[in-house]
Amino acid sequence: MNICILGSGGWGTALGIILHNNRHKVTLWEYDKEYAHTLSEFRENFYYLPKIKIPEKITISSDIHEAVEGKDLIVVATPTQYIRGVIEHIKDIDFTNRVILSVSKGIENHTLMTVSQIFQNVFNNIEKRNITVLSGPSHAEEVAKHIPTAVAAAGFDEKNTEKIQKAFSNRYFRVYKSGDVAGVELGGALKNVIAIAAGIADGAGFGDNTKAAIMTRGLREITRFGMRFGAEEHTFMGLSGIGDLIVTCMSKHSRNRFVGEEIGKGKKLKQVLAEMKMVAEGVATTESTHELAHKLGVELPIIEQVYKVLFLGKDPHHATEKLMTRNLKDEK
């Protein structure tokens, strides 16, 4: 396949290397012309994926129209809050014979749309069958080192989902297919919010018991929220649900867990974000999910407290006490 990846962060770069290793023709788009030149010259993503060689045959471009021209597959690896601004430049593209894939994990602020919904909202010539998503426990740092990884791909059209499955799968990267687009997207987006909660617990000095409770009850919140959007419950027991939740709450690579940990230690959100080079998608998604939950009347106690800690300055210990002293309930 002839493939374009929009976004040369760590994840976009790692996926580009996978697709190149699978003998596809790959173009990696970088919005910054100077950094695109750096990537092309030195063949290393110093900012986002250091010490990993970018193969010479991967084309690197800062011209988005040139990058998407004639491609069979467009992979969107841009942080969710920037996707609309990026794809507005190519909104008239013909999707008759091409597929678009989201590998981003978030919910857009203000519009409260998932990425697949943003695609439908922006592109003038797109049908649902053209849209696919991919998510799961997959840190770019590990994927780039060929560490065995499994993810889930979902789409509205089974044949196009199978194209994604076959395009990416190899001896170290395994893709399972799904028809539950909402479940795969929302599992990937909301687990970042729960990972912030897990990080806050780490930073505040709580223990393994606390983190286990956050992850378990957090999964219930993700499932409850997802099913409100028509997602299938079993999806959240899979790779894009509990799988991604485990790795994001536990890993040293997790940007969202890191944000929570720093806040748990006493830093303010603005300071933490100013010191980071990479984007922690869960911060913006916390805002979107909080707003959506209130509009829909969905109870999300952990996410509610994460919102208050991040944006209202609530003390993490007070937030934890609030969760622990809620009315006693049946586990279901």
Protein backbone atom coordinates (compact mmCIF):
# COMPACT_ATOMS: atom_id res chain seq x y z
CA MET A 1 0.00 0.00 0.00
CA ASN A 2 0.96 3.63 -0.49
CA ILE A 3 0.53 5.19 2.97
CA CYS A 4 0.73 8.66 4.51
CA ILE A 5 1.09 9.25 8.25
CA LEU A 6 -0.05 12.67 9.44
CA GLY A 7 2.01 13.43 12.52
CA SER A 8 5.66 12.60 13.19
CA GLY A 9 5.48 12.23 16.96
CA GLY A 10 6.74 9.09 18.60
CA TRP A 11 3.66 7.04 17.71
CA GLY A 12 3.47 8.23 14.11
CA THR A 13 7.18 7.51 13.64
CA ALA A 14 6.95 4.04 15.22
CA LEU A 15 3.96 3.12 13.03
CA GLY A 16 5.77 4.42 9.96
CA ILE A 17 8.65 2.08 10.72
CA ILE A 18 6.26 -0.86 11.18
CA LEU A 19 4.59 -0.17 7.82
CA HIS A 20 7.94 0.24 6.10
CA ASN A 21 9.14 -3.07 7.58
CA ASN A 22 5.92 -4.62 6.22
CA ARG A 23 7.01 -3.45 2.73
CA HIS A 24 4.59 -0.58 2.31
CA LYS A 25 5.55 2.74 0.78
CA VAL A 26 5.45 5.31 3.60
CA THR A 27 5.35 9.11 3.72
CA LEU A 28 5.68 10.75 7.13
CA TRP A 29 4.22 14.28 7.36
CA GLU A 30 5.71 16.78 9.81
CA TYR A 31 4.02 20.20 10.08
CA ASP A 32 7.24 22.07 10.98
CA LYS A 33 9.35 22.55 7.86
CA GLU A 34 12.62 22.89 9.78
CA TYR A 35 12.03 19.77 11.87
CA ALA A 36 10.96 17.85 8.74
CA HIS A 37 14.38 18.76 7.29
CA THR A 38 16.07 17.57 10.49
CA LEU A 39 14.20 14.25 10.37
CA SER A 40 15.09 13.78 6.73
CA GLU A 41 18.77 14.63 7.19
CA PHE A 42 19.56 12.82 10.44
CA ARG A 43 16.98 10.01 10.23
CA GLU A 44 16.26 10.23 13.94
CA ASN A 45 13.29 11.72 15.81
CA PHE A 46 15.34 13.44 18.51
CA TYR A 47 12.33 14.98 20.27
CA TYR A 48 9.91 12.08 20.41
CA LEU A 49 11.67 8.80 19.62
CA PRO A 50 15.42 9.20 20.16
CA LYS A 51 17.97 6.53 19.20
CA ILE A 52 15.60 4.87 16.72
CA LYS A 53 16.69 4.86 13.09
CA ILE A 54 14.14 6.09 10.53
CA PRO A 55 14.67 4.04 7.36
CA GLU A 56 15.97 5.97 4.36
CA LYS A 57 13.08 4.84 2.16
CA ILE A 58 10.49 6.57 4.38
CA THR A 59 9.71 9.89 2.69
CA ILE A 60 9.46 12.86 5.06
CA SER A 61 7.45 15.89 3.94
CA SER A 62 6.11 19.13 5.40
CA ASP A 63 3.69 19.62 2.48
CA ILE A 64 0.40 18.02 3.53
CA HIS A 65 -1.11 18.05 0.03
CA GLU A 66 1.96 16.34 -1.40
CA ALA A 67 1.97 13.87 1.48
CA VAL A 68 -1.61 12.64 0.95
CA GLU A 69 -1.59 12.73 -2.86
CA GLY A 70 -2.28 9.30 -4.33
CA LYS A 71 -2.23 7.46 -1.01
CA ASP A 72 -4.33 4.33 -0.34
CA LEU A 73 -4.31 4.87 3.42
CA ILE A 74 -4.06 8.04 5.51
CA VAL A 75 -3.02 7.43 9.13
CA VAL A 76 -3.85 10.31 11.48
CA ALA A 77 -1.36 10.33 14.36
CA THR A 78 -1.85 13.95 15.44
CA PRO A 79 -2.99 14.75 19.01
CA THR A 80 -6.79 14.93 19.05
CA GLN A 81 -7.09 18.63 19.82
CA TYR A 82 -5.07 19.49 16.68
CA ILE A 83 -6.67 17.05 14.23
CA ARG A 84 -9.42 19.36 12.98
CA GLY A 85 -6.92 22.11 12.16
CA VAL A 86 -4.73 19.65 10.25
CA ILE A 87 -7.36 17.89 8.16
CA GLU A 88 -9.18 21.13 7.28
CA HIS A 89 -6.34 21.60 4.75
CA ILE A 90 -7.37 18.40 2.93
CA LYS A 91 -11.13 18.35 3.55
CA ASP A 92 -11.95 18.05 -0.16
CA ILE A 93 -9.89 14.87 -0.64
CA ASP A 94 -11.59 12.05 -2.57
CA PHE A 95 -12.17 9.00 -0.37
CA THR A 96 -13.68 6.80 -3.06
CA ASN A 97 -10.71 4.43 -3.06
CA ARG A 98 -8.90 5.23 0.14
CA VAL A 99 -9.22 4.60 3.87
CA ILE A 100 -8.45 6.87 6.82
CA LEU A 101 -7.22 5.51 10.15
CA SER A 102 -7.16 7.29 13.50
CA VAL A 103 -4.48 6.21 15.96
CA SER A 104 -5.13 9.17 18.28
CA LYS A 105 -6.78 8.77 21.68
CA GLY A 106 -8.99 11.60 22.82
CA ILE A 107 -12.26 13.54 22.69
CA GLU A 108 -12.25 17.00 21.15
CA ASN A 109 -12.94 19.91 23.48
CA HIS A 110 -16.03 22.07 22.80
CA THR A 111 -17.48 19.82 20.05
CA LEU A 112 -17.15 16.74 22.31
CA MET A 113 -16.48 14.58 19.24
CA THR A 114 -14.37 11.46 18.97
CA VAL A 115 -11.87 11.38 16.11
CA SER A 116 -14.09 9.30 13.84
CA GLN A 117 -16.83 11.90 14.35
CA ILE A 118 -14.38 14.70 13.54
CA PHE A 119 -13.60 12.93 10.25
CA GLN A 120 -17.29 12.77 9.37
CA ASN A 121 -17.72 16.41 10.35
CA VAL A 122 -14.79 17.82 8.35
CA PHE A 123 -14.34 15.76 5.20
CA ASN A 124 -16.72 16.64 2.37
CA ASN A 125 -16.43 13.30 0.58
CA ILE A 126 -16.31 10.55 3.16
CA GLU A 127 -18.55 7.66 4.12
CA LYS A 128 -18.43 5.69 7.35
CA ARG A 129 -17.00 2.70 5.51
CA ASN A 130 -13.82 4.72 4.82
CA ILE A 131 -13.17 5.27 8.54
CA THR A 132 -11.12 3.00 10.81
CA VAL A 133 -9.51 3.37 14.25
CA LEU A 134 -6.68 1.60 16.06
CA SER A 135 -5.99 1.51 19.78
CA GLY A 136 -4.50 -0.67 22.49
CA PRO A 137 -1.58 -1.05 24.91
CA SER A 138 1.19 0.20 22.65
CA HIS A 139 3.89 2.58 23.85
CA ALA A 140 5.85 3.86 20.85
CA GLU A 141 9.13 3.41 22.72
CA GLU A 142 8.53 -0.35 22.92
CA VAL A 143 6.97 -0.83 19.49
CA ALA A 144 9.98 0.86 17.86
CA LYS A 145 12.22 -1.71 19.56
CA HIS A 146 10.13 -4.59 18.17
CA ILE A 147 8.82 -5.57 21.60
CA PRO A 148 5.75 -7.83 21.06
CA THR A 149 2.56 -5.75 21.11
CA ALA A 150 -1.12 -6.44 20.43
CA VAL A 151 -3.77 -3.83 19.56
CA ALA A 152 -7.33 -3.65 18.22
CA ALA A 153 -8.50 -2.10 14.94
CA ALA A 154 -12.16 -1.25 14.39
CA GLY A 155 -14.14 0.01 11.43
CA PHE A 156 -17.61 0.36 10.00
CA ASP A 157 -16.69 -1.85 7.03
CA GLU A 158 -15.20 -5.29 7.70
CA LYS A 159 -13.12 -5.38 4.52
CA ASN A 160 -11.45 -2.09 5.31
CA THR A 161 -10.84 -3.19 8.89
CA GLU A 162 -9.16 -6.33 7.55
CA LYS A 163 -6.96 -4.13 5.33
CA ILE A 164 -5.72 -2.34 8.44
CA GLN A 165 -5.23 -5.61 10.28
CA LYS A 166 -3.12 -7.06 7.48
CA ALA A 167 -1.20 -3.86 6.74
CA PHE A 168 0.13 -3.51 10.30
CA SER A 169 0.45 -7.09 11.56
CA ASN A 170 3.86 -8.77 11.69
CA ARG A 171 5.95 -10.92 14.03
CA TYR A 172 6.08 -8.27 16.77
CA PHE A 173 2.89 -6.25 16.15
CA ARG A 174 -0.40 -8.16 16.20
CA VAL A 175 -3.73 -6.55 15.27
CA TYR A 176 -7.13 -7.93 16.26
CA LYS A 177 -10.17 -6.66 14.37
CA SER A 178 -13.43 -5.31 15.80
CA GLY A 179 -16.66 -3.78 14.54
CA ASP A 180 -17.06 -1.61 17.65
CA VAL A 181 -15.63 1.76 16.62
CA ALA A 182 -17.14 3.61 19.58
CA GLY A 183 -15.80 1.08 22.08
CA VAL A 184 -12.26 1.06 20.69
CA GLU A 185 -12.14 4.87 20.51
CA LEU A 186 -13.64 5.55 23.93
CA GLY A 187 -11.58 2.86 25.65
CA GLY A 188 -8.42 4.47 24.29
CA ALA A 189 -9.53 7.98 25.20
CA LEU A 190 -10.89 7.51 28.72
CA LYS A 191 -8.14 5.23 29.98
CA ASN A 192 -5.87 8.30 29.80
CA VAL A 193 -8.06 10.06 32.36
CA ILE A 194 -7.94 7.07 34.70
CA ALA A 195 -4.15 6.95 34.21
CA ILE A 196 -3.96 10.52 35.48
CA ALA A 197 -5.89 9.38 38.56
CA ALA A 198 -3.43 6.50 39.02
CA GLY A 199 -0.53 8.91 38.71
CA ILE A 200 -2.06 11.26 41.28
CA ALA A 201 -2.27 8.31 43.67
CA ASP A 202 1.41 7.53 43.06
CA GLY A 203 2.47 11.13 43.58
CA ALA A 204 0.36 11.52 46.72
CA GLY A 205 2.07 8.51 48.26
CA PHE A 206 -0.80 6.03 48.19
CA GLY A 207 -0.14 2.35 47.59
CA ASP A 208 -0.84 -0.57 45.29
CA ASN A 209 -4.25 -1.11 46.87
CA THR A 210 -5.28 2.39 45.87
CA LYS A 211 -4.08 2.06 42.30
CA ALA A 212 -5.81 -1.32 41.89
CA ALA A 213 -9.07 0.22 43.10
CA ILE A 214 -8.70 3.18 40.72
CA MET A 215 -8.04 0.90 37.75
CA THR A 216 -10.89 -1.49 38.54
CA ARG A 217 -13.51 1.11 39.30
CA GLY A 218 -12.14 3.28 36.50
CA LEU A 219 -12.82 0.47 34.06
CA ARG A 220 -16.43 0.42 35.26
CA GLU A 221 -16.70 4.15 34.54
CA ILE A 222 -15.20 3.73 31.06
CA THR A 223 -17.61 0.88 30.33
CA ARG A 224 -20.63 2.77 31.66
CA PHE A 225 -19.75 5.82 29.58
CA GLY A 226 -19.01 3.79 26.44
CA MET A 227 -22.24 1.82 26.58
CA ARG A 228 -24.13 5.10 26.74
CA PHE A 229 -22.72 5.72 23.25
CA GLY A 230 -23.72 2.29 21.97
CA ALA A 231 -20.37 0.59 22.51
CA GLU A 232 -20.29 -3.12 23.31
CA GLU A 233 -19.44 -4.07 26.88
CA HIS A 234 -17.01 -6.83 25.92
CA THR A 235 -14.81 -4.35 24.03
CA PHE A 236 -13.75 -2.82 27.34
CA MET A 237 -12.58 -6.23 28.53
CA GLY A 238 -10.21 -6.31 25.56
CA LEU A 239 -7.03 -4.65 24.34
CA SER A 240 -8.44 -1.15 23.84
CA GLY A 241 -10.09 -1.29 27.24
CA ILE A 242 -8.48 -3.10 30.14
CA GLY A 243 -5.30 -3.78 28.14
CA ASP A 244 -4.59 -0.12 27.44
CA LEU A 245 -5.75 0.82 30.93
CA ILE A 246 -3.18 -1.48 32.55
CA VAL A 247 -0.22 -0.25 30.55
CA THR A 248 -1.11 3.43 30.82
CA CYS A 249 -1.68 3.33 34.57
CA MET A 250 1.45 1.30 35.30
CA SER A 251 4.14 2.23 32.78
CA LYS A 252 7.12 4.57 33.15
CA HIS A 253 6.46 5.59 29.52
CA SER A 254 2.93 6.87 30.27
CA ARG A 255 2.69 10.64 29.84
CA ASN A 256 -0.76 10.73 31.45
CA ARG A 257 0.36 8.81 34.53
CA PHE A 258 3.35 11.17 34.74
CA VAL A 259 1.11 14.25 34.70
CA GLY A 260 -0.95 12.80 37.54
CA GLU A 261 2.14 11.87 39.55
CA GLU A 262 3.57 15.38 39.33
CA ILE A 263 0.26 16.87 40.43
CA GLY A 264 0.03 14.36 43.26
CA LYS A 265 3.42 15.65 44.42
CA GLY A 266 2.02 19.17 44.62
CA LYS A 267 2.70 20.79 41.24
CA LYS A 268 0.04 22.74 39.35
CA LEU A 269 -1.22 21.53 35.98
CA LYS A 270 0.04 24.57 34.09
CA GLN A 271 3.57 24.04 35.41
CA VAL A 272 3.57 20.31 34.59
CA LEU A 273 2.40 20.85 31.01
CA ALA A 274 4.89 23.68 30.46
CA GLU A 275 7.73 21.31 31.35
CA MET A 276 6.59 18.56 28.93
CA LYS A 277 7.57 18.21 25.27
CA MET A 278 4.98 15.54 24.46
CA VAL A 279 1.19 15.85 24.68
CA ALA A 280 -0.74 14.10 27.44
CA GLU A 281 -4.09 13.53 25.71
CA GLY A 282 -5.87 12.73 28.96
CA VAL A 283 -5.80 16.32 30.21
CA ALA A 284 -8.03 17.69 27.45
CA THR A 285 -10.09 14.50 27.43
CA THR A 286 -10.83 14.99 31.13
CA GLU A 287 -12.52 18.29 30.25
CA SER A 288 -14.50 16.78 27.37
CA THR A 289 -15.59 13.70 29.31
CA HIS A 290 -16.61 15.77 32.34
CA GLU A 291 -18.79 17.98 30.14
CA LEU A 292 -20.30 15.05 28.24
CA ALA A 293 -21.05 13.12 31.42
CA HIS A 294 -22.94 16.05 32.88
CA LYS A 295 -24.92 16.55 29.67
CA LEU A 296 -25.86 12.88 29.50
CA GLY A 297 -26.34 12.28 33.20
CA VAL A 298 -23.67 9.56 33.38
CA GLU A 299 -22.09 9.07 36.81
CA LEU A 300 -18.27 9.03 36.65
CA PRO A 301 -17.01 9.61 40.22
CA ILE A 302 -13.28 9.10 39.58
CA ILE A 303 -13.24 11.19 36.42
CA GLU A 304 -15.23 13.89 38.23
CA GLN A 305 -12.58 14.09 40.94
CA VAL A 306 -9.74 14.10 38.39
CA TYR A 307 -11.42 17.08 36.74
CA LYS A 308 -11.63 18.92 40.06
CA VAL A 309 -7.98 18.21 40.91
CA LEU A 310 -6.71 19.29 37.47
CA PHE A 311 -8.88 22.30 36.77
CA LEU A 312 -10.28 23.47 40.12
CA GLY A 313 -7.18 22.89 42.24
CA LYS A 314 -8.76 20.37 44.59
CA ASP A 315 -6.36 18.66 46.97
CA PRO A 316 -5.76 15.00 45.86
CA HIS A 317 -6.22 13.74 49.44
CA HIS A 318 -9.59 15.49 49.70
CA ALA A 319 -10.60 14.05 46.30
CA THR A 320 -9.66 10.56 47.48
CA GLU A 321 -11.61 10.99 50.70
CA LYS A 322 -14.63 12.08 48.67
CA LEU A 323 -14.46 8.87 46.63
CA MET A 324 -13.95 6.67 49.69
CA THR A 325 -16.89 8.13 51.63
CA ARG A 326 -19.51 8.03 48.90
CA ASN A 327 -22.73 6.14 49.63
CA LEU A 328 -22.05 2.40 49.81
CA LYS A 329 -23.16 0.46 46.74
CA ASP A 330 -23.42 -2.90 45.04
CA GLU A 331 -20.33 -3.55 42.91
CA LYS A 332 -22.44 -3.81 39.76
